[in-house]
N, C-alpha and C. Protein backbone atom coordinates (compact mmCIF):
# COMPACT_ATOMS: atom_id res chain seq x y z
N MET A 1 0.84 -1.18 0.00
CA MET A 1 0.00 0.00 0.00
C MET A 1 0.88 1.24 0.00
N VAL A 2 0.57 2.21 -0.85
CA VAL A 2 1.32 3.44 -0.93
C VAL A 2 0.86 4.38 0.18
N GLN A 3 1.84 4.90 0.91
CA GLN A 3 1.50 5.80 2.02
C GLN A 3 1.28 7.20 1.46
N LYS A 4 0.19 7.83 1.85
CA LYS A 4 -0.11 9.17 1.41
C LYS A 4 0.73 10.17 2.20
N THR A 5 1.17 11.22 1.51
CA THR A 5 1.88 12.30 2.16
C THR A 5 0.86 13.20 2.83
N SER A 6 1.09 13.55 4.09
CA SER A 6 0.18 14.44 4.78
C SER A 6 0.28 15.84 4.18
N ALA A 7 -0.76 16.63 4.39
CA ALA A 7 -0.76 18.00 3.88
C ALA A 7 0.41 18.79 4.47
N LYS A 8 0.72 18.55 5.72
CA LYS A 8 1.83 19.25 6.37
C LYS A 8 3.16 18.88 5.70
N GLU A 9 3.34 17.60 5.40
CA GLU A 9 4.56 17.15 4.71
C GLU A 9 4.61 17.70 3.29
N ALA A 10 3.45 17.78 2.63
CA ALA A 10 3.41 18.33 1.27
C ALA A 10 3.82 19.80 1.26
N VAL A 11 3.40 20.54 2.26
CA VAL A 11 3.80 21.95 2.37
C VAL A 11 5.30 22.04 2.63
N LEU A 12 5.80 21.19 3.50
CA LEU A 12 7.24 21.18 3.78
C LEU A 12 8.04 20.77 2.54
N ASP A 13 7.53 19.80 1.79
CA ASP A 13 8.16 19.40 0.53
C ASP A 13 8.21 20.60 -0.44
N ALA A 14 7.11 21.34 -0.51
CA ALA A 14 7.03 22.50 -1.40
C ALA A 14 8.03 23.58 -0.95
N PHE A 15 8.14 23.80 0.33
CA PHE A 15 9.11 24.78 0.84
C PHE A 15 10.52 24.36 0.45
N GLU A 16 10.81 23.11 0.63
CA GLU A 16 12.13 22.57 0.26
C GLU A 16 12.41 22.81 -1.23
N ARG A 17 11.44 22.49 -2.09
CA ARG A 17 11.63 22.66 -3.53
C ARG A 17 11.84 24.12 -3.91
N VAL A 18 11.05 25.01 -3.32
CA VAL A 18 11.17 26.44 -3.66
C VAL A 18 12.54 26.96 -3.21
N VAL A 19 12.96 26.59 -2.03
CA VAL A 19 14.27 27.04 -1.55
C VAL A 19 15.38 26.53 -2.48
N ILE A 20 15.30 25.27 -2.88
CA ILE A 20 16.33 24.69 -3.76
C ILE A 20 16.28 25.32 -5.14
N ASP A 21 15.09 25.40 -5.72
CA ASP A 21 14.96 25.84 -7.11
C ASP A 21 15.07 27.34 -7.31
N ARG A 22 14.57 28.11 -6.32
CA ARG A 22 14.50 29.56 -6.53
C ARG A 22 15.21 30.39 -5.47
N GLY A 23 15.63 29.72 -4.38
CA GLY A 23 16.36 30.43 -3.34
C GLY A 23 15.50 30.81 -2.15
N GLU A 24 16.16 31.13 -1.07
CA GLU A 24 15.49 31.45 0.19
C GLU A 24 14.58 32.66 0.06
N ARG A 25 15.03 33.69 -0.63
CA ARG A 25 14.25 34.92 -0.75
C ARG A 25 12.94 34.70 -1.53
N ALA A 26 12.96 33.78 -2.46
CA ALA A 26 11.76 33.49 -3.25
C ALA A 26 10.78 32.60 -2.50
N ALA A 27 11.21 32.03 -1.40
CA ALA A 27 10.36 31.09 -0.65
C ALA A 27 9.41 31.86 0.27
N THR A 28 8.57 32.67 -0.34
CA THR A 28 7.54 33.38 0.41
C THR A 28 6.42 32.41 0.75
N LEU A 29 5.59 32.79 1.68
CA LEU A 29 4.46 31.93 2.04
C LEU A 29 3.56 31.71 0.83
N GLU A 30 3.36 32.75 0.02
CA GLU A 30 2.52 32.63 -1.17
C GLU A 30 3.13 31.64 -2.16
N ALA A 31 4.44 31.75 -2.39
CA ALA A 31 5.11 30.85 -3.34
C ALA A 31 5.05 29.41 -2.86
N VAL A 32 5.23 29.21 -1.57
CA VAL A 32 5.20 27.85 -1.02
C VAL A 32 3.79 27.28 -1.10
N ALA A 33 2.80 28.10 -0.78
CA ALA A 33 1.40 27.64 -0.87
C ALA A 33 1.05 27.25 -2.30
N THR A 34 1.46 28.08 -3.24
CA THR A 34 1.20 27.78 -4.66
C THR A 34 1.89 26.48 -5.06
N GLU A 35 3.15 26.33 -4.69
CA GLU A 35 3.91 25.11 -5.03
C GLU A 35 3.26 23.87 -4.41
N ALA A 36 2.72 24.02 -3.20
CA ALA A 36 2.09 22.89 -2.50
C ALA A 36 0.67 22.63 -2.99
N GLY A 37 0.11 23.59 -3.72
CA GLY A 37 -1.27 23.43 -4.20
C GLY A 37 -2.29 23.63 -3.10
N VAL A 38 -1.95 24.49 -2.14
CA VAL A 38 -2.87 24.80 -1.04
C VAL A 38 -3.05 26.31 -0.97
N SER A 39 -4.07 26.73 -0.26
CA SER A 39 -4.25 28.17 -0.05
C SER A 39 -3.24 28.64 0.99
N LYS A 40 -3.05 29.93 1.04
CA LYS A 40 -2.15 30.47 2.06
C LYS A 40 -2.68 30.12 3.46
N GLY A 41 -4.00 30.12 3.60
CA GLY A 41 -4.62 29.73 4.87
C GLY A 41 -4.31 28.28 5.22
N GLY A 42 -4.31 27.42 4.19
CA GLY A 42 -3.97 26.01 4.40
C GLY A 42 -2.54 25.86 4.86
N LEU A 43 -1.65 26.66 4.28
CA LEU A 43 -0.25 26.63 4.72
C LEU A 43 -0.16 27.11 6.17
N LEU A 44 -0.83 28.22 6.47
CA LEU A 44 -0.76 28.80 7.81
C LEU A 44 -1.39 27.90 8.88
N TYR A 45 -2.27 27.01 8.45
CA TYR A 45 -2.86 26.04 9.39
C TYR A 45 -1.76 25.14 9.96
N HIS A 46 -0.79 24.77 9.13
CA HIS A 46 0.29 23.88 9.54
C HIS A 46 1.54 24.63 10.00
N PHE A 47 1.81 25.77 9.40
CA PHE A 47 3.03 26.52 9.71
C PHE A 47 2.66 27.99 9.85
N GLY A 48 2.90 28.55 11.02
CA GLY A 48 2.51 29.93 11.31
C GLY A 48 3.27 30.98 10.53
N GLY A 49 4.36 30.60 9.93
CA GLY A 49 5.16 31.55 9.16
C GLY A 49 6.40 30.87 8.63
N LYS A 50 7.23 31.65 7.99
CA LYS A 50 8.44 31.11 7.37
C LYS A 50 9.38 30.49 8.40
N LYS A 51 9.47 31.12 9.56
CA LYS A 51 10.33 30.58 10.63
C LYS A 51 9.87 29.17 11.02
N ASP A 52 8.57 28.95 11.05
CA ASP A 52 8.04 27.63 11.37
C ASP A 52 8.35 26.62 10.27
N LEU A 53 8.35 27.07 9.01
CA LEU A 53 8.74 26.19 7.91
C LEU A 53 10.21 25.77 8.06
N VAL A 54 11.04 26.73 8.43
CA VAL A 54 12.46 26.43 8.64
C VAL A 54 12.60 25.42 9.79
N GLU A 55 11.89 25.64 10.87
CA GLU A 55 11.94 24.71 12.00
C GLU A 55 11.45 23.32 11.60
N GLY A 56 10.43 23.26 10.74
CA GLY A 56 9.95 21.98 10.24
C GLY A 56 11.02 21.28 9.42
N LEU A 57 11.75 22.04 8.63
CA LEU A 57 12.83 21.46 7.83
C LEU A 57 13.98 21.00 8.72
N VAL A 58 14.24 21.74 9.79
CA VAL A 58 15.27 21.32 10.75
C VAL A 58 14.87 19.99 11.39
N GLU A 59 13.62 19.85 11.76
CA GLU A 59 13.13 18.59 12.33
C GLU A 59 13.28 17.44 11.32
N ARG A 60 12.94 17.72 10.08
CA ARG A 60 13.09 16.71 9.03
C ARG A 60 14.55 16.30 8.89
N MET A 61 15.45 17.30 8.87
CA MET A 61 16.88 17.03 8.72
C MET A 61 17.37 16.19 9.89
N THR A 62 16.91 16.48 11.08
CA THR A 62 17.31 15.73 12.27
C THR A 62 16.91 14.26 12.14
N GLY A 63 15.68 14.01 11.72
CA GLY A 63 15.22 12.64 11.56
C GLY A 63 15.97 11.89 10.46
N LEU A 64 16.19 12.57 9.34
CA LEU A 64 16.93 11.93 8.24
C LEU A 64 18.38 11.66 8.63
N ALA A 65 18.98 12.59 9.36
CA ALA A 65 20.37 12.41 9.79
C ALA A 65 20.49 11.25 10.78
N GLU A 66 19.53 11.13 11.69
CA GLU A 66 19.55 10.01 12.64
C GLU A 66 19.46 8.68 11.90
N SER A 67 18.59 8.62 10.91
CA SER A 67 18.45 7.41 10.10
C SER A 67 19.74 7.12 9.33
N ASP A 68 20.35 8.16 8.77
CA ASP A 68 21.60 8.00 8.04
C ASP A 68 22.69 7.45 8.96
N LEU A 69 22.80 7.99 10.15
CA LEU A 69 23.82 7.51 11.10
C LEU A 69 23.58 6.06 11.50
N GLU A 70 22.32 5.69 11.69
CA GLU A 70 22.00 4.30 12.01
C GLU A 70 22.40 3.36 10.87
N GLN A 71 22.13 3.78 9.64
CA GLN A 71 22.50 2.96 8.48
C GLN A 71 24.01 2.86 8.35
N LEU A 72 24.72 3.96 8.57
CA LEU A 72 26.18 3.92 8.52
C LEU A 72 26.74 2.98 9.58
N ALA A 73 26.23 3.11 10.79
CA ALA A 73 26.73 2.30 11.90
C ALA A 73 26.48 0.81 11.68
N ALA A 74 25.40 0.48 10.99
CA ALA A 74 25.04 -0.92 10.78
C ALA A 74 25.54 -1.48 9.44
N ALA A 75 26.26 -0.68 8.68
CA ALA A 75 26.69 -1.10 7.34
C ALA A 75 27.61 -2.31 7.41
N PRO A 76 27.27 -3.38 6.71
CA PRO A 76 28.11 -4.58 6.76
C PRO A 76 29.50 -4.37 6.15
N ASP A 77 29.62 -3.40 5.24
CA ASP A 77 30.92 -3.14 4.63
C ASP A 77 31.75 -2.13 5.41
N GLY A 78 31.23 -1.66 6.55
CA GLY A 78 31.96 -0.73 7.41
C GLY A 78 31.52 0.71 7.22
N ILE A 79 31.73 1.48 8.27
CA ILE A 79 31.28 2.88 8.30
C ILE A 79 31.96 3.70 7.21
N VAL A 80 33.28 3.60 7.10
CA VAL A 80 34.01 4.41 6.12
C VAL A 80 33.58 4.04 4.71
N SER A 81 33.54 2.76 4.42
CA SER A 81 33.14 2.32 3.08
C SER A 81 31.74 2.82 2.75
N ARG A 82 30.81 2.66 3.65
CA ARG A 82 29.43 3.07 3.40
C ARG A 82 29.35 4.59 3.24
N PHE A 83 30.08 5.34 4.07
CA PHE A 83 30.06 6.80 3.97
C PHE A 83 30.59 7.25 2.60
N ILE A 84 31.71 6.69 2.18
CA ILE A 84 32.30 7.05 0.89
C ILE A 84 31.34 6.70 -0.24
N ARG A 85 30.79 5.50 -0.20
CA ARG A 85 29.89 5.07 -1.28
C ARG A 85 28.59 5.87 -1.30
N SER A 86 28.10 6.26 -0.14
CA SER A 86 26.85 7.04 -0.11
C SER A 86 27.08 8.49 -0.50
N SER A 87 28.33 8.93 -0.54
CA SER A 87 28.63 10.31 -0.91
C SER A 87 28.38 10.59 -2.39
N VAL A 88 28.26 9.57 -3.20
CA VAL A 88 27.98 9.78 -4.63
C VAL A 88 26.50 9.59 -4.95
N VAL A 89 25.68 9.39 -3.93
CA VAL A 89 24.25 9.19 -4.14
C VAL A 89 23.54 10.52 -3.94
N ILE A 90 22.91 10.99 -5.02
CA ILE A 90 22.16 12.24 -4.93
C ILE A 90 20.71 11.99 -5.33
N GLY A 91 19.84 12.94 -5.03
CA GLY A 91 18.44 12.81 -5.41
C GLY A 91 17.58 12.11 -4.38
N THR A 92 18.13 11.86 -3.21
CA THR A 92 17.38 11.21 -2.13
C THR A 92 16.68 12.26 -1.28
N PRO A 93 15.73 11.86 -0.43
CA PRO A 93 15.12 12.82 0.48
C PRO A 93 16.18 13.51 1.38
N PHE A 94 17.17 12.73 1.85
CA PHE A 94 18.23 13.33 2.67
C PHE A 94 18.96 14.40 1.88
N ASP A 95 19.30 14.08 0.64
CA ASP A 95 20.03 15.02 -0.23
C ASP A 95 19.22 16.30 -0.43
N SER A 96 17.95 16.18 -0.74
CA SER A 96 17.11 17.37 -0.97
C SER A 96 17.02 18.24 0.27
N THR A 97 16.80 17.62 1.40
CA THR A 97 16.71 18.39 2.64
C THR A 97 18.04 19.04 2.97
N TYR A 98 19.12 18.31 2.75
CA TYR A 98 20.46 18.84 3.01
C TYR A 98 20.74 20.07 2.13
N ILE A 99 20.39 19.98 0.85
CA ILE A 99 20.61 21.11 -0.05
C ILE A 99 19.77 22.31 0.38
N ALA A 100 18.50 22.08 0.70
CA ALA A 100 17.65 23.18 1.15
C ALA A 100 18.22 23.81 2.43
N MET A 101 18.71 22.97 3.32
CA MET A 101 19.28 23.48 4.57
C MET A 101 20.52 24.33 4.30
N THR A 102 21.35 23.92 3.33
CA THR A 102 22.54 24.72 3.01
C THR A 102 22.13 26.06 2.42
N ARG A 103 21.10 26.08 1.61
CA ARG A 103 20.64 27.35 1.03
C ARG A 103 20.11 28.29 2.12
N LEU A 104 19.41 27.72 3.09
CA LEU A 104 18.92 28.54 4.20
C LEU A 104 20.09 29.05 5.05
N ALA A 105 21.07 28.19 5.27
CA ALA A 105 22.25 28.59 6.06
C ALA A 105 23.01 29.70 5.34
N GLN A 106 23.14 29.59 4.03
CA GLN A 106 23.87 30.60 3.25
C GLN A 106 23.22 31.97 3.32
N SER A 107 21.93 32.02 3.56
CA SER A 107 21.24 33.31 3.62
C SER A 107 21.69 34.12 4.83
N GLY A 108 22.18 33.43 5.86
CA GLY A 108 22.59 34.13 7.08
C GLY A 108 21.43 34.51 7.99
N LEU A 109 20.23 34.15 7.62
CA LEU A 109 19.05 34.54 8.39
C LEU A 109 18.57 33.48 9.38
N TYR A 110 19.08 32.26 9.22
CA TYR A 110 18.55 31.14 10.00
C TYR A 110 19.67 30.38 10.69
N PRO A 111 20.08 30.85 11.88
CA PRO A 111 21.15 30.15 12.58
C PRO A 111 20.81 28.69 12.89
N GLU A 112 19.52 28.38 12.97
CA GLU A 112 19.11 27.01 13.23
C GLU A 112 19.47 26.10 12.04
N ALA A 113 19.52 26.65 10.83
CA ALA A 113 19.95 25.87 9.67
C ALA A 113 21.43 25.55 9.78
N ASN A 114 22.23 26.54 10.18
CA ASN A 114 23.65 26.31 10.38
C ASN A 114 23.88 25.28 11.48
N ALA A 115 23.12 25.39 12.56
CA ALA A 115 23.26 24.45 13.67
C ALA A 115 22.88 23.04 13.23
N SER A 116 21.85 22.92 12.40
CA SER A 116 21.43 21.61 11.92
C SER A 116 22.52 20.97 11.07
N LEU A 117 23.10 21.73 10.15
CA LEU A 117 24.18 21.22 9.31
C LEU A 117 25.39 20.84 10.14
N SER A 118 25.69 21.66 11.13
CA SER A 118 26.82 21.38 12.02
C SER A 118 26.58 20.08 12.79
N SER A 119 25.36 19.87 13.20
CA SER A 119 25.02 18.65 13.93
C SER A 119 25.18 17.42 13.04
N VAL A 120 24.76 17.52 11.79
CA VAL A 120 24.91 16.41 10.85
C VAL A 120 26.40 16.09 10.70
N GLU A 121 27.19 17.12 10.44
CA GLU A 121 28.63 16.95 10.25
C GLU A 121 29.27 16.34 11.50
N GLN A 122 28.87 16.81 12.68
CA GLN A 122 29.44 16.28 13.92
C GLN A 122 29.06 14.82 14.13
N GLY A 123 27.84 14.46 13.77
CA GLY A 123 27.42 13.06 13.88
C GLY A 123 28.27 12.17 13.00
N TRP A 124 28.48 12.60 11.76
CA TRP A 124 29.34 11.83 10.86
C TRP A 124 30.76 11.74 11.41
N ARG A 125 31.29 12.88 11.85
CA ARG A 125 32.67 12.92 12.34
C ARG A 125 32.85 11.98 13.53
N THR A 126 31.92 12.02 14.46
CA THR A 126 32.01 11.18 15.65
C THR A 126 31.99 9.70 15.27
N LEU A 127 31.06 9.34 14.40
CA LEU A 127 30.93 7.94 13.98
C LEU A 127 32.18 7.47 13.23
N ILE A 128 32.64 8.29 12.30
CA ILE A 128 33.82 7.92 11.50
C ILE A 128 35.07 7.88 12.37
N GLU A 129 35.22 8.86 13.24
CA GLU A 129 36.40 8.85 14.12
C GLU A 129 36.41 7.62 15.02
N GLY A 130 35.26 7.21 15.49
CA GLY A 130 35.18 5.99 16.28
C GLY A 130 35.61 4.77 15.48
N ALA A 131 35.31 4.79 14.19
CA ALA A 131 35.66 3.65 13.33
C ALA A 131 37.13 3.62 12.98
N VAL A 132 37.73 4.80 12.77
CA VAL A 132 39.13 4.84 12.32
C VAL A 132 40.11 5.12 13.45
N GLY A 133 39.62 5.67 14.56
CA GLY A 133 40.48 5.92 15.72
C GLY A 133 41.47 7.05 15.56
N ASP A 134 41.23 7.96 14.61
CA ASP A 134 42.18 9.05 14.39
C ASP A 134 41.40 10.26 13.86
N PRO A 135 41.44 11.39 14.57
CA PRO A 135 40.67 12.57 14.14
C PRO A 135 41.09 13.08 12.76
N ALA A 136 42.38 13.01 12.44
CA ALA A 136 42.84 13.50 11.13
C ALA A 136 42.30 12.63 10.00
N ILE A 137 42.30 11.34 10.18
CA ILE A 137 41.77 10.45 9.15
C ILE A 137 40.26 10.64 9.02
N ALA A 138 39.59 10.85 10.15
CA ALA A 138 38.15 11.10 10.09
C ALA A 138 37.88 12.36 9.27
N ARG A 139 38.69 13.38 9.45
CA ARG A 139 38.53 14.63 8.69
C ARG A 139 38.79 14.37 7.20
N ILE A 140 39.80 13.59 6.89
CA ILE A 140 40.09 13.24 5.50
C ILE A 140 38.89 12.52 4.88
N VAL A 141 38.31 11.57 5.60
CA VAL A 141 37.14 10.84 5.09
C VAL A 141 36.00 11.81 4.81
N LEU A 142 35.75 12.74 5.72
CA LEU A 142 34.69 13.72 5.51
C LEU A 142 34.97 14.58 4.28
N LEU A 143 36.20 15.00 4.11
CA LEU A 143 36.55 15.83 2.95
C LEU A 143 36.47 15.05 1.65
N VAL A 144 36.88 13.80 1.67
CA VAL A 144 36.73 12.95 0.48
C VAL A 144 35.24 12.81 0.15
N GLY A 145 34.42 12.58 1.17
CA GLY A 145 32.98 12.49 0.95
C GLY A 145 32.42 13.77 0.35
N ASP A 146 32.87 14.93 0.86
CA ASP A 146 32.42 16.21 0.32
C ASP A 146 32.79 16.33 -1.16
N GLY A 147 34.02 15.95 -1.49
CA GLY A 147 34.47 16.03 -2.88
C GLY A 147 33.68 15.11 -3.80
N LEU A 148 33.42 13.90 -3.34
CA LEU A 148 32.64 12.96 -4.14
C LEU A 148 31.22 13.46 -4.34
N TYR A 149 30.65 14.02 -3.29
CA TYR A 149 29.30 14.56 -3.36
C TYR A 149 29.24 15.71 -4.36
N TYR A 150 30.22 16.59 -4.28
CA TYR A 150 30.30 17.73 -5.18
C TYR A 150 30.38 17.26 -6.64
N ASN A 151 31.23 16.29 -6.91
CA ASN A 151 31.36 15.76 -8.26
C ASN A 151 30.07 15.08 -8.73
N ALA A 152 29.44 14.32 -7.85
CA ALA A 152 28.19 13.65 -8.22
C ALA A 152 27.09 14.66 -8.54
N ALA A 153 27.10 15.78 -7.83
CA ALA A 153 26.10 16.81 -8.08
C ALA A 153 26.35 17.55 -9.40
N LEU A 154 27.60 17.61 -9.83
CA LEU A 154 27.94 18.34 -11.05
C LEU A 154 27.75 17.54 -12.32
N PHE A 155 27.92 16.22 -12.23
CA PHE A 155 27.88 15.38 -13.42
C PHE A 155 26.64 14.51 -13.40
N PRO A 156 26.00 14.33 -14.58
CA PRO A 156 24.84 13.45 -14.63
C PRO A 156 25.24 12.01 -14.29
N PHE A 157 24.26 11.23 -13.85
CA PHE A 157 24.52 9.86 -13.45
C PHE A 157 25.19 9.04 -14.54
N ASP A 158 24.83 9.30 -15.80
CA ASP A 158 25.41 8.50 -16.87
C ASP A 158 26.87 8.85 -17.16
N LYS A 159 27.35 9.93 -16.58
CA LYS A 159 28.75 10.33 -16.76
C LYS A 159 29.45 10.46 -15.42
N LEU A 160 29.01 9.67 -14.46
CA LEU A 160 29.56 9.72 -13.12
C LEU A 160 31.08 9.51 -13.16
N PRO A 161 31.85 10.47 -12.64
CA PRO A 161 33.30 10.39 -12.77
C PRO A 161 33.97 9.41 -11.81
N THR A 162 33.21 8.81 -10.93
CA THR A 162 33.81 7.92 -9.96
C THR A 162 33.14 6.55 -10.03
N PRO A 163 33.61 5.68 -10.93
CA PRO A 163 33.03 4.34 -11.01
C PRO A 163 33.31 3.54 -9.73
N GLU A 164 32.53 2.52 -9.53
CA GLU A 164 32.62 1.69 -8.31
C GLU A 164 34.04 1.23 -8.01
N GLY A 165 34.80 0.82 -9.03
CA GLY A 165 36.17 0.36 -8.81
C GLY A 165 37.05 1.44 -8.21
N GLU A 166 36.84 2.68 -8.65
CA GLU A 166 37.61 3.79 -8.07
C GLU A 166 37.22 4.01 -6.62
N LEU A 167 35.95 3.83 -6.29
CA LEU A 167 35.53 3.95 -4.90
C LEU A 167 36.19 2.87 -4.05
N ASP A 168 36.29 1.66 -4.61
CA ASP A 168 37.00 0.59 -3.90
C ASP A 168 38.43 1.02 -3.59
N ASP A 169 39.09 1.63 -4.58
CA ASP A 169 40.47 2.08 -4.39
C ASP A 169 40.57 3.16 -3.32
N VAL A 170 39.61 4.08 -3.30
CA VAL A 170 39.61 5.14 -2.29
C VAL A 170 39.43 4.54 -0.90
N VAL A 171 38.48 3.64 -0.75
CA VAL A 171 38.24 3.00 0.55
C VAL A 171 39.49 2.22 0.99
N THR A 172 40.09 1.49 0.07
CA THR A 172 41.31 0.73 0.40
C THR A 172 42.43 1.66 0.84
N ALA A 173 42.60 2.77 0.16
CA ALA A 173 43.65 3.73 0.53
C ALA A 173 43.41 4.30 1.93
N ILE A 174 42.16 4.59 2.25
CA ILE A 174 41.84 5.11 3.58
C ILE A 174 42.08 4.04 4.64
N GLU A 175 41.70 2.80 4.33
CA GLU A 175 41.95 1.70 5.27
C GLU A 175 43.44 1.51 5.49
N GLU A 176 44.25 1.60 4.43
CA GLU A 176 45.70 1.47 4.57
C GLU A 176 46.28 2.62 5.38
N LEU A 177 45.81 3.81 5.15
CA LEU A 177 46.24 4.97 5.93
C LEU A 177 45.89 4.79 7.40
N THR A 178 44.69 4.31 7.65
CA THR A 178 44.25 4.07 9.04
C THR A 178 45.16 3.06 9.72
N ARG A 179 45.44 1.96 9.05
CA ARG A 179 46.32 0.93 9.63
C ARG A 179 47.72 1.49 9.90
N SER A 180 48.24 2.30 8.98
CA SER A 180 49.60 2.81 9.15
C SER A 180 49.67 3.82 10.30
N ARG A 181 48.59 4.51 10.58
CA ARG A 181 48.60 5.51 11.65
C ARG A 181 48.15 4.95 12.99
N THR A 182 47.25 3.97 12.95
CA THR A 182 46.65 3.51 14.21
C THR A 182 46.84 2.03 14.50
N GLY A 183 47.25 1.28 13.52
CA GLY A 183 47.37 -0.16 13.70
C GLY A 183 46.04 -0.88 13.63
N ARG A 184 44.95 -0.19 13.27
CA ARG A 184 43.61 -0.81 13.17
C ARG A 184 43.42 -1.46 11.84
């Protein structure tokens, strides 16, 4: 059975799309209501204003980040391998919310967006550092993930510059670096 999206989630989805596609300044209540296919009153029933929409997106990001951390921690191929491999995956709900959150953070108007992104990054860093046992290697893994994500976002899927074999090589190199620094 297909689960229906609630009206509140549909409004939040619309806010996310408007922020991504047109920017934070264009994400007026009217624009979001139009994108969601609801009246402005319908939007205001669920969200009292733009600040409430941002808070709703922060809550969404928190839930998606918790799920992401759980999946990383339980990955049979290991935290580092799963993090690296998931860095080339775009177009997911996590990805969309993350992009919208970065656009809100860039505006400088929503410190809660910056705090949410910082929390996501800290969760990854803590998990990865626990796996590799070295803060510098954990930072390298995060930066490699950022670079892979950036490349995946720039190139279409059919021209992905990082084939699976190259990801294997990256993971192996990080594992070798970890062993040479920590003996793990």
